[in-house]
Amino acid sequence: MARKARLSPGFGSGSDTVASPHQSSRLGAGEPVAPSLPQPITKVTQSDTYETIYANHTKVSITQWDFAINFGQIVETKDAESVIKESISVRFSPQYFKAMTVSLAAALQQWESAFGPLEAGLGQKVNTAGMTNAFNALKDALGEIGKKQGD
């Protein structure tokens, strides 16, 4: 009998075993993992340098080769200007970033099912045109790479 695992929200938040991120990249949000072949289950431990930070600000950057999320905290707001102290930048391959977003969407869906819907934005201005242009440029670049690899 095939062993069923489930996605752990946020890839391991609060859990010491998680489904392989390679599994999750093939899933829709919130779907249980039902692999046809046994998939590895990973034991998660914390490094000696592990730390927890609080973030109420994120900045997502993309290139053809990776995604980066800078996490920070708004430390002061005065005269319609915020001072943000960035704490860490985490870089991801496009494949892992997509797997992570599937897991994050599933975690958010579970949270909203239990506690009610959240409103997005928190009053922050989002440069949707800039993000749309960046994602379209990335999509075009990845399409060109795919065409070259198919030749």
N, C-alpha and C. Protein backbone atom coordinates (compact mmCIF):
# COMPACT_ATOMS: atom_id res chain seq x y z
N MET A 1 0.85 -1.18 0.00
CA MET A 1 0.00 0.00 0.00
C MET A 1 0.90 1.23 0.00
N ALA A 2 0.56 2.19 -0.87
CA ALA A 2 1.35 3.43 -0.94
C ALA A 2 1.12 4.27 0.31
N ARG A 3 2.19 4.80 0.83
CA ARG A 3 2.12 5.64 2.02
C ARG A 3 1.72 7.04 1.62
N LYS A 4 0.70 7.60 2.26
CA LYS A 4 0.25 8.96 1.96
C LYS A 4 0.88 9.93 2.95
N ALA A 5 1.45 10.97 2.41
CA ALA A 5 1.97 12.05 3.24
C ALA A 5 1.16 13.29 2.89
N ARG A 6 1.22 14.31 3.71
CA ARG A 6 0.55 15.55 3.37
C ARG A 6 1.55 16.68 3.39
N LEU A 7 1.22 17.72 2.65
CA LEU A 7 2.07 18.90 2.66
C LEU A 7 2.04 19.53 4.04
N SER A 8 3.17 19.86 4.53
CA SER A 8 3.25 20.58 5.79
C SER A 8 3.27 22.06 5.46
N PRO A 9 2.31 22.85 5.97
CA PRO A 9 2.28 24.27 5.62
C PRO A 9 3.62 24.93 5.86
N GLY A 10 4.09 25.68 4.87
CA GLY A 10 5.33 26.43 5.01
C GLY A 10 6.56 25.55 5.03
N PHE A 11 6.47 24.32 4.53
CA PHE A 11 7.59 23.39 4.52
C PHE A 11 8.21 23.24 5.90
N GLY A 12 7.46 22.76 6.84
CA GLY A 12 8.04 22.39 8.11
C GLY A 12 7.73 23.30 9.27
N SER A 13 6.81 24.23 9.12
CA SER A 13 6.51 25.10 10.23
C SER A 13 5.82 24.31 11.33
N GLY A 14 6.52 24.05 12.40
CA GLY A 14 5.95 23.36 13.53
C GLY A 14 5.94 21.85 13.41
N SER A 15 6.50 21.31 12.37
CA SER A 15 6.47 19.86 12.17
C SER A 15 7.89 19.36 11.98
N ASP A 16 8.15 18.14 12.44
CA ASP A 16 9.50 17.63 12.25
C ASP A 16 9.61 16.68 11.08
N THR A 17 8.53 16.39 10.37
CA THR A 17 8.60 15.64 9.12
C THR A 17 7.75 16.36 8.09
N VAL A 18 8.26 16.46 6.88
CA VAL A 18 7.55 17.17 5.82
C VAL A 18 7.63 16.37 4.54
N ALA A 19 6.69 16.61 3.65
CA ALA A 19 6.76 16.01 2.34
C ALA A 19 7.90 16.66 1.57
N SER A 20 8.52 15.88 0.71
CA SER A 20 9.59 16.40 -0.11
C SER A 20 9.07 17.54 -0.96
N PRO A 21 9.82 18.65 -1.09
CA PRO A 21 9.36 19.75 -1.93
C PRO A 21 9.19 19.32 -3.38
N HIS A 22 9.90 18.25 -3.78
CA HIS A 22 9.76 17.77 -5.15
C HIS A 22 8.36 17.22 -5.39
N GLN A 23 7.74 16.65 -4.36
CA GLN A 23 6.37 16.18 -4.49
C GLN A 23 5.42 17.34 -4.68
N SER A 24 5.58 18.37 -3.87
CA SER A 24 4.59 19.43 -3.83
C SER A 24 4.52 20.23 -5.11
N SER A 25 5.58 20.23 -5.92
CA SER A 25 5.55 21.02 -7.15
C SER A 25 4.56 20.46 -8.15
N ARG A 26 4.08 19.25 -7.95
CA ARG A 26 3.12 18.66 -8.86
C ARG A 26 1.69 18.76 -8.34
N LEU A 27 1.47 19.45 -7.24
CA LEU A 27 0.17 19.45 -6.59
C LEU A 27 -0.58 20.75 -6.77
N GLY A 28 -1.90 20.66 -6.66
CA GLY A 28 -2.72 21.86 -6.54
C GLY A 28 -2.76 22.24 -5.08
N ALA A 29 -3.16 23.47 -4.78
CA ALA A 29 -3.18 23.95 -3.40
C ALA A 29 -4.10 23.09 -2.55
N GLY A 30 -3.60 22.59 -1.45
CA GLY A 30 -4.38 21.86 -0.48
C GLY A 30 -4.62 20.41 -0.80
N GLU A 31 -4.08 19.91 -1.93
CA GLU A 31 -4.30 18.51 -2.26
C GLU A 31 -3.37 17.63 -1.45
N PRO A 32 -3.85 16.49 -0.95
CA PRO A 32 -2.96 15.57 -0.27
C PRO A 32 -2.03 14.92 -1.27
N VAL A 33 -0.87 14.53 -0.80
CA VAL A 33 0.09 13.86 -1.64
C VAL A 33 -0.29 12.38 -1.70
N ALA A 34 -0.45 11.86 -2.88
CA ALA A 34 -0.75 10.45 -3.05
C ALA A 34 0.16 9.92 -4.15
N PRO A 35 1.45 9.78 -3.86
CA PRO A 35 2.41 9.40 -4.90
C PRO A 35 2.20 7.96 -5.35
N SER A 36 2.50 7.71 -6.63
CA SER A 36 2.42 6.34 -7.13
C SER A 36 3.64 5.54 -6.67
N LEU A 37 4.76 6.21 -6.47
CA LEU A 37 5.96 5.58 -5.95
C LEU A 37 6.24 6.15 -4.57
N PRO A 38 6.81 5.36 -3.68
CA PRO A 38 7.13 5.92 -2.34
C PRO A 38 8.04 7.13 -2.48
N GLN A 39 7.70 8.19 -1.76
CA GLN A 39 8.48 9.42 -1.79
C GLN A 39 9.23 9.57 -0.47
N PRO A 40 10.40 10.17 -0.51
CA PRO A 40 11.17 10.32 0.73
C PRO A 40 10.49 11.29 1.70
N ILE A 41 10.50 10.96 2.95
CA ILE A 41 10.06 11.86 4.01
C ILE A 41 11.33 12.37 4.67
N THR A 42 11.38 13.64 4.88
CA THR A 42 12.59 14.27 5.37
C THR A 42 12.46 14.58 6.85
N LYS A 43 13.48 14.26 7.63
CA LYS A 43 13.56 14.65 9.04
C LYS A 43 14.16 16.04 9.08
N VAL A 44 13.49 16.96 9.75
CA VAL A 44 13.94 18.35 9.82
C VAL A 44 14.55 18.61 11.19
N THR A 45 15.75 19.16 11.18
CA THR A 45 16.40 19.57 12.42
C THR A 45 16.79 21.04 12.28
N GLN A 46 17.17 21.66 13.38
CA GLN A 46 17.57 23.07 13.35
C GLN A 46 19.08 23.18 13.51
N SER A 47 19.69 24.04 12.69
CA SER A 47 21.13 24.24 12.77
C SER A 47 21.48 25.01 14.04
N ASP A 48 22.75 25.05 14.36
CA ASP A 48 23.21 25.81 15.53
C ASP A 48 22.96 27.31 15.37
N THR A 49 22.86 27.77 14.13
CA THR A 49 22.65 29.21 13.88
C THR A 49 21.19 29.55 13.61
N TYR A 50 20.29 28.60 13.81
CA TYR A 50 18.86 28.82 13.57
C TYR A 50 18.36 29.96 14.45
N GLU A 51 17.53 30.81 13.87
CA GLU A 51 16.89 31.87 14.64
C GLU A 51 15.54 32.20 14.04
N THR A 52 14.68 32.77 14.83
CA THR A 52 13.36 33.20 14.39
C THR A 52 13.36 34.72 14.32
N ILE A 53 12.83 35.26 13.23
CA ILE A 53 12.71 36.71 13.13
C ILE A 53 11.24 37.04 12.91
N TYR A 54 10.86 38.25 13.23
CA TYR A 54 9.52 38.76 12.96
C TYR A 54 9.60 39.64 11.72
N ALA A 55 8.67 39.48 10.79
CA ALA A 55 8.65 40.32 9.60
C ALA A 55 7.24 40.84 9.37
N ASN A 56 7.14 42.13 9.13
CA ASN A 56 5.86 42.71 8.70
C ASN A 56 6.07 43.46 7.38
N HIS A 57 7.18 43.16 6.73
CA HIS A 57 7.49 43.74 5.43
C HIS A 57 8.26 42.70 4.63
N THR A 58 7.88 42.53 3.36
CA THR A 58 8.64 41.66 2.47
C THR A 58 8.82 42.36 1.14
N LYS A 59 9.91 42.05 0.49
CA LYS A 59 10.17 42.55 -0.85
C LYS A 59 10.59 41.35 -1.69
N VAL A 60 9.88 41.10 -2.77
CA VAL A 60 10.18 39.96 -3.65
C VAL A 60 10.93 40.48 -4.86
N SER A 61 12.05 39.86 -5.17
CA SER A 61 12.83 40.21 -6.35
C SER A 61 12.96 38.96 -7.22
N ILE A 62 12.97 39.16 -8.52
CA ILE A 62 13.11 38.02 -9.42
C ILE A 62 14.17 38.28 -10.46
N THR A 63 14.85 37.22 -10.87
CA THR A 63 15.74 37.25 -12.01
C THR A 63 15.39 36.02 -12.85
N GLN A 64 16.07 35.88 -13.94
CA GLN A 64 15.86 34.72 -14.79
C GLN A 64 16.21 33.43 -14.05
N TRP A 65 17.12 33.50 -13.08
CA TRP A 65 17.63 32.30 -12.43
C TRP A 65 17.09 32.04 -11.04
N ASP A 66 16.57 33.06 -10.37
CA ASP A 66 16.10 32.83 -9.00
C ASP A 66 15.09 33.88 -8.54
N PHE A 67 14.51 33.58 -7.39
CA PHE A 67 13.62 34.49 -6.69
C PHE A 67 14.30 34.83 -5.37
N ALA A 68 14.07 36.01 -4.86
CA ALA A 68 14.60 36.38 -3.55
C ALA A 68 13.49 37.08 -2.78
N ILE A 69 13.40 36.76 -1.50
CA ILE A 69 12.48 37.46 -0.62
C ILE A 69 13.30 38.09 0.48
N ASN A 70 13.20 39.42 0.59
CA ASN A 70 13.84 40.14 1.70
C ASN A 70 12.78 40.32 2.78
N PHE A 71 13.11 39.91 3.99
CA PHE A 71 12.20 40.06 5.12
C PHE A 71 12.69 41.19 6.00
N GLY A 72 11.77 42.02 6.44
CA GLY A 72 12.13 43.13 7.29
C GLY A 72 11.00 43.52 8.21
N GLN A 73 11.27 44.53 8.98
CA GLN A 73 10.30 45.02 9.95
C GLN A 73 10.20 46.53 9.82
N ILE A 74 8.96 47.02 9.78
CA ILE A 74 8.74 48.46 9.79
C ILE A 74 9.02 48.92 11.22
N VAL A 75 10.04 49.74 11.38
CA VAL A 75 10.45 50.15 12.73
C VAL A 75 9.96 51.54 13.10
N GLU A 76 9.57 52.31 12.09
CA GLU A 76 9.09 53.66 12.37
C GLU A 76 8.24 54.15 11.20
N THR A 77 7.17 54.84 11.51
CA THR A 77 6.35 55.47 10.49
C THR A 77 6.09 56.90 10.94
N LYS A 78 6.56 57.83 10.11
CA LYS A 78 6.42 59.24 10.46
C LYS A 78 6.19 60.04 9.18
N ASP A 79 5.20 60.92 9.20
CA ASP A 79 4.92 61.80 8.07
C ASP A 79 4.77 61.01 6.75
N ALA A 80 3.96 59.96 6.78
CA ALA A 80 3.67 59.12 5.61
C ALA A 80 4.91 58.44 5.05
N GLU A 81 5.96 58.31 5.84
CA GLU A 81 7.16 57.61 5.41
C GLU A 81 7.50 56.54 6.43
N SER A 82 7.76 55.34 5.94
CA SER A 82 8.11 54.24 6.83
C SER A 82 9.60 53.97 6.77
N VAL A 83 10.17 53.61 7.90
CA VAL A 83 11.56 53.16 7.97
C VAL A 83 11.51 51.65 8.15
N ILE A 84 12.13 50.94 7.21
CA ILE A 84 12.11 49.49 7.23
C ILE A 84 13.51 48.97 7.46
N LYS A 85 13.65 48.08 8.42
CA LYS A 85 14.93 47.45 8.70
C LYS A 85 14.86 46.02 8.16
N GLU A 86 15.59 45.76 7.07
CA GLU A 86 15.60 44.42 6.50
C GLU A 86 16.52 43.52 7.32
N SER A 87 16.05 42.29 7.58
CA SER A 87 16.79 41.36 8.42
C SER A 87 17.51 40.28 7.64
N ILE A 88 16.86 39.78 6.59
CA ILE A 88 17.45 38.64 5.87
C ILE A 88 16.89 38.58 4.46
N SER A 89 17.69 38.08 3.55
CA SER A 89 17.25 37.82 2.19
C SER A 89 17.38 36.32 1.95
N VAL A 90 16.33 35.71 1.43
CA VAL A 90 16.35 34.27 1.16
C VAL A 90 16.14 34.09 -0.34
N ARG A 91 17.05 33.32 -0.97
CA ARG A 91 16.99 33.10 -2.41
C ARG A 91 16.50 31.68 -2.68
N PHE A 92 15.73 31.54 -3.79
CA PHE A 92 15.13 30.26 -4.15
C PHE A 92 15.30 30.02 -5.65
N SER A 93 15.43 28.75 -6.03
CA SER A 93 15.33 28.41 -7.44
C SER A 93 13.87 28.61 -7.86
N PRO A 94 13.60 28.87 -9.14
CA PRO A 94 12.21 29.03 -9.57
C PRO A 94 11.34 27.81 -9.23
N GLN A 95 11.91 26.60 -9.37
CA GLN A 95 11.15 25.39 -9.10
C GLN A 95 10.78 25.30 -7.61
N TYR A 96 11.73 25.59 -6.75
CA TYR A 96 11.44 25.51 -5.32
C TYR A 96 10.50 26.63 -4.90
N PHE A 97 10.66 27.81 -5.50
CA PHE A 97 9.77 28.92 -5.17
C PHE A 97 8.33 28.56 -5.50
N LYS A 98 8.11 27.92 -6.66
CA LYS A 98 6.76 27.52 -7.03
C LYS A 98 6.23 26.48 -6.05
N ALA A 99 7.04 25.49 -5.69
CA ALA A 99 6.61 24.48 -4.71
C ALA A 99 6.26 25.14 -3.38
N MET A 100 7.06 26.12 -2.97
CA MET A 100 6.79 26.81 -1.71
C MET A 100 5.50 27.61 -1.78
N THR A 101 5.23 28.27 -2.91
CA THR A 101 4.00 29.05 -3.01
C THR A 101 2.77 28.16 -2.96
N VAL A 102 2.86 26.95 -3.51
CA VAL A 102 1.76 25.99 -3.41
C VAL A 102 1.52 25.64 -1.95
N SER A 103 2.60 25.40 -1.22
CA SER A 103 2.48 25.05 0.20
C SER A 103 1.95 26.22 1.01
N LEU A 104 2.42 27.44 0.72
CA LEU A 104 1.93 28.62 1.43
C LEU A 104 0.45 28.87 1.15
N ALA A 105 0.03 28.68 -0.10
CA ALA A 105 -1.39 28.86 -0.44
C ALA A 105 -2.25 27.84 0.31
N ALA A 106 -1.76 26.61 0.42
CA ALA A 106 -2.51 25.58 1.15
C ALA A 106 -2.59 25.93 2.63
N ALA A 107 -1.50 26.44 3.20
CA ALA A 107 -1.50 26.82 4.62
C ALA A 107 -2.47 27.98 4.86
N LEU A 108 -2.48 28.96 3.96
CA LEU A 108 -3.40 30.09 4.10
C LEU A 108 -4.85 29.62 3.98
N GLN A 109 -5.11 28.73 3.04
CA GLN A 109 -6.46 28.20 2.87
C GLN A 109 -6.91 27.47 4.14
N GLN A 110 -6.02 26.68 4.75
CA GLN A 110 -6.35 25.99 5.99
C GLN A 110 -6.62 26.99 7.11
N TRP A 111 -5.80 28.04 7.21
CA TRP A 111 -5.97 29.04 8.26
C TRP A 111 -7.31 29.76 8.09
N GLU A 112 -7.62 30.19 6.84
CA GLU A 112 -8.87 30.89 6.59
C GLU A 112 -10.08 29.99 6.82
N SER A 113 -9.96 28.71 6.55
CA SER A 113 -11.06 27.78 6.83
C SER A 113 -11.33 27.70 8.33
N ALA A 114 -10.27 27.76 9.12
CA ALA A 114 -10.42 27.65 10.57
C ALA A 114 -10.80 28.97 11.22
N PHE A 115 -10.26 30.10 10.74
CA PHE A 115 -10.40 31.37 11.45
C PHE A 115 -11.14 32.47 10.68
N GLY A 116 -11.44 32.24 9.41
CA GLY A 116 -12.14 33.24 8.62
C GLY A 116 -11.22 33.91 7.62
N PRO A 117 -11.80 34.53 6.61
CA PRO A 117 -10.99 35.13 5.54
C PRO A 117 -10.21 36.35 6.00
N LEU A 118 -9.07 36.52 5.38
CA LEU A 118 -8.21 37.69 5.61
C LEU A 118 -8.32 38.62 4.41
N GLU A 119 -8.16 39.91 4.66
CA GLU A 119 -8.06 40.86 3.57
C GLU A 119 -6.59 41.03 3.23
N ALA A 120 -6.28 41.05 1.96
CA ALA A 120 -4.89 41.21 1.53
C ALA A 120 -4.52 42.68 1.50
N GLY A 121 -3.25 42.95 1.55
CA GLY A 121 -2.76 44.30 1.36
C GLY A 121 -2.36 45.05 2.60
N LEU A 122 -3.11 44.93 3.66
CA LEU A 122 -2.81 45.62 4.91
C LEU A 122 -2.53 47.11 4.69
N GLY A 123 -3.19 47.69 3.68
CA GLY A 123 -3.02 49.11 3.42
C GLY A 123 -1.73 49.47 2.71
N GLN A 124 -0.94 48.48 2.33
CA GLN A 124 0.32 48.76 1.65
C GLN A 124 0.07 49.02 0.17
N LYS A 125 0.83 49.92 -0.40
CA LYS A 125 0.76 50.17 -1.82
C LYS A 125 1.56 49.09 -2.54
N VAL A 126 0.95 48.48 -3.52
CA VAL A 126 1.61 47.42 -4.28
C VAL A 126 1.77 47.91 -5.71
N ASN A 127 2.98 47.83 -6.22
CA ASN A 127 3.26 48.24 -7.59
C ASN A 127 2.89 47.08 -8.51
N THR A 128 1.60 46.93 -8.78
CA THR A 128 1.15 45.79 -9.58
C THR A 128 1.65 45.88 -11.02
N ALA A 129 1.73 47.09 -11.57
CA ALA A 129 2.23 47.23 -12.94
C ALA A 129 3.69 46.79 -13.02
N GLY A 130 4.49 47.21 -12.05
CA GLY A 130 5.90 46.82 -12.03
C GLY A 130 6.07 45.33 -11.85
N MET A 131 5.30 44.72 -10.95
CA MET A 131 5.39 43.28 -10.74
C MET A 131 4.91 42.53 -11.97
N THR A 132 3.84 43.01 -12.62
CA THR A 132 3.34 42.36 -13.83
C THR A 132 4.40 42.41 -14.92
N ASN A 133 5.03 43.57 -15.10
CA ASN A 133 6.09 43.69 -16.11
C ASN A 133 7.26 42.77 -15.80
N ALA A 134 7.65 42.70 -14.54
CA ALA A 134 8.78 41.83 -14.16
C ALA A 134 8.44 40.36 -14.40
N PHE A 135 7.24 39.94 -14.00
CA PHE A 135 6.86 38.54 -14.21
C PHE A 135 6.73 38.22 -15.70
N ASN A 136 6.20 39.15 -16.48
CA ASN A 136 6.10 38.91 -17.93
C ASN A 136 7.48 38.80 -18.56
N ALA A 137 8.42 39.63 -18.13
CA ALA A 137 9.79 39.55 -18.64
C ALA A 137 10.43 38.22 -18.27
N LEU A 138 10.19 37.78 -17.03
CA LEU A 138 10.72 36.49 -16.58
C LEU A 138 10.11 35.36 -17.39
N LYS A 139 8.80 35.41 -17.60
CA LYS A 139 8.11 34.38 -18.37
C LYS A 139 8.67 34.33 -19.79
N ASP A 140 8.88 35.48 -20.41
CA ASP A 140 9.43 35.52 -21.76
C ASP A 140 10.84 34.93 -21.78
N ALA A 141 11.66 35.29 -20.79
CA ALA A 141 13.04 34.78 -20.73
C ALA A 141 13.04 33.27 -20.55
N LEU A 142 12.18 32.77 -19.65
CA LEU A 142 12.12 31.32 -19.44
C LEU A 142 11.60 30.61 -20.68
N GLY A 143 10.67 31.24 -21.41
CA GLY A 143 10.18 30.66 -22.66
C GLY A 143 11.28 30.55 -23.69
N GLU A 144 12.14 31.58 -23.78
CA GLU A 144 13.26 31.54 -24.71
C GLU A 144 14.24 30.43 -24.34
N ILE A 145 14.51 30.26 -23.05
CA ILE A 145 15.42 29.20 -22.60
C ILE A 145 14.81 27.84 -22.96
N GLY A 146 13.50 27.69 -22.73
CA GLY A 146 12.84 26.44 -23.06
C GLY A 146 12.91 26.12 -24.54
N LYS A 147 12.76 27.16 -25.40
CA LYS A 147 12.86 26.97 -26.83
C LYS A 147 14.26 26.52 -27.23
N LYS A 148 15.29 27.13 -26.63
CA LYS A 148 16.67 26.79 -26.95
C LYS A 148 17.00 25.37 -26.52
N GLN A 149 16.45 24.94 -25.36
CA GLN A 149 16.71 23.58 -24.87
C GLN A 149 15.99 22.55 -25.73
N GLY A 150 14.87 22.95 -26.35
CA GLY A 150 14.10 22.04 -27.19
C GLY A 150 14.70 21.86 -28.57
N ASP A 151 15.64 22.75 -28.94
CA ASP A 151 16.26 22.65 -30.29
C ASP A 151 17.21 21.49 -30.38
